[in-house]
Amino acid sequence: MFGGRLFRMRCCSHILNLIIKDRLSVIEGDIEKIGDSVSY
């Protein structure tokens, strides 16, 4: 379909999504601490 262009874009988007989720899970604790100190 469309010479495989849609498949590649979807694959790249999926990989980018996985990278972002991984990075967010690493800094999740820091974000929570910042939120707690702002609310304090």
N, C-alpha and C. Protein backbone atom coordinates (compact mmCIF):
# COMPACT_ATOMS: atom_id res chain seq x y z
N MET A 1 0.84 -1.18 0.00
CA MET A 1 0.00 0.00 0.00
C MET A 1 0.88 1.25 0.00
N PHE A 2 0.71 2.12 -0.98
CA PHE A 2 1.49 3.35 -1.12
C PHE A 2 2.99 3.10 -1.09
N GLY A 3 3.41 1.97 -1.60
CA GLY A 3 4.84 1.67 -1.67
C GLY A 3 5.48 1.45 -0.30
N GLY A 4 4.68 1.14 0.72
CA GLY A 4 5.23 0.91 2.06
C GLY A 4 5.46 2.16 2.87
N ARG A 5 5.13 3.33 2.34
CA ARG A 5 5.39 4.58 3.06
C ARG A 5 4.58 4.67 4.35
N LEU A 6 3.34 4.25 4.34
CA LEU A 6 2.52 4.34 5.55
C LEU A 6 3.03 3.40 6.63
N PHE A 7 3.48 2.23 6.23
CA PHE A 7 3.99 1.27 7.20
C PHE A 7 5.21 1.83 7.91
N ARG A 8 6.12 2.42 7.17
CA ARG A 8 7.33 2.96 7.78
C ARG A 8 7.01 4.10 8.74
N MET A 9 6.08 4.97 8.37
CA MET A 9 5.73 6.09 9.24
C MET A 9 5.11 5.56 10.52
N ARG A 10 4.25 4.59 10.40
CA ARG A 10 3.61 4.02 11.59
C ARG A 10 4.66 3.38 12.48
N CYS A 11 5.61 2.70 11.89
CA CYS A 11 6.66 2.05 12.65
C CYS A 11 7.50 3.09 13.39
N CYS A 12 7.87 4.16 12.72
CA CYS A 12 8.66 5.23 13.34
C CYS A 12 7.88 5.88 14.47
N SER A 13 6.60 6.10 14.26
CA SER A 13 5.77 6.69 15.30
C SER A 13 5.69 5.77 16.52
N HIS A 14 5.58 4.49 16.27
CA HIS A 14 5.51 3.53 17.37
C HIS A 14 6.81 3.51 18.17
N ILE A 15 7.93 3.52 17.47
CA ILE A 15 9.23 3.53 18.14
C ILE A 15 9.40 4.80 18.94
N LEU A 16 9.03 5.94 18.38
CA LEU A 16 9.11 7.21 19.09
C LEU A 16 8.24 7.19 20.34
N ASN A 17 7.05 6.64 20.23
CA ASN A 17 6.15 6.53 21.37
C ASN A 17 6.77 5.67 22.47
N LEU A 18 7.39 4.56 22.12
CA LEU A 18 8.03 3.70 23.11
C LEU A 18 9.18 4.41 23.81
N ILE A 19 9.96 5.18 23.06
CA ILE A 19 11.08 5.92 23.65
C ILE A 19 10.58 6.96 24.65
N ILE A 20 9.54 7.70 24.27
CA ILE A 20 8.99 8.73 25.14
C ILE A 20 8.42 8.11 26.42
N LYS A 21 7.68 7.01 26.29
CA LYS A 21 7.13 6.34 27.46
C LYS A 21 8.24 5.88 28.39
N ASP A 22 9.32 5.36 27.84
CA ASP A 22 10.45 4.89 28.64
C ASP A 22 11.08 6.05 29.40
N ARG A 23 11.31 7.17 28.74
CA ARG A 23 11.92 8.34 29.38
C ARG A 23 11.00 8.91 30.46
N LEU A 24 9.70 8.96 30.20
CA LEU A 24 8.76 9.47 31.19
C LEU A 24 8.72 8.60 32.42
N SER A 25 8.83 7.30 32.24
CA SER A 25 8.83 6.41 33.40
C SER A 25 10.07 6.63 34.26
N VAL A 26 11.18 7.03 33.65
CA VAL A 26 12.42 7.29 34.38
C VAL A 26 12.29 8.55 35.24
N ILE A 27 11.67 9.60 34.69
CA ILE A 27 11.59 10.87 35.41
C ILE A 27 10.27 11.06 36.15
N GLU A 28 9.44 10.04 36.20
CA GLU A 28 8.13 10.15 36.85
C GLU A 28 8.25 10.54 38.32
N GLY A 29 9.19 9.95 39.03
CA GLY A 29 9.39 10.27 40.44
C GLY A 29 9.79 11.72 40.64
N ASP A 30 10.66 12.24 39.78
CA ASP A 30 11.08 13.64 39.88
C ASP A 30 9.92 14.59 39.62
N ILE A 31 9.09 14.27 38.65
CA ILE A 31 7.93 15.11 38.35
C ILE A 31 6.98 15.13 39.54
N GLU A 32 6.82 13.98 40.18
CA GLU A 32 5.93 13.91 41.35
C GLU A 32 6.49 14.75 42.50
N LYS A 33 7.79 14.71 42.71
CA LYS A 33 8.41 15.51 43.77
C LYS A 33 8.25 17.00 43.50
N ILE A 34 8.41 17.40 42.26
CA ILE A 34 8.23 18.82 41.90
C ILE A 34 6.78 19.24 42.15
N GLY A 35 5.85 18.41 41.76
CA GLY A 35 4.44 18.71 42.00
C GLY A 35 4.13 18.82 43.48
N ASP A 36 4.70 17.93 44.29
CA ASP A 36 4.49 17.99 45.74
C ASP A 36 5.06 19.27 46.34
N SER A 37 6.25 19.68 45.90
CA SER A 37 6.84 20.89 46.46
C SER A 37 6.10 22.14 45.99
N VAL A 38 5.54 22.13 44.80
CA VAL A 38 4.75 23.28 44.33
C VAL A 38 3.46 23.38 45.14
N SER A 39 2.82 22.25 45.41
CA SER A 39 1.57 22.28 46.15
C SER A 39 1.81 22.62 47.63
N TYR A 40 3.02 22.38 48.13
CA TYR A 40 3.35 22.71 49.51
C TYR A 40 3.45 24.20 49.66
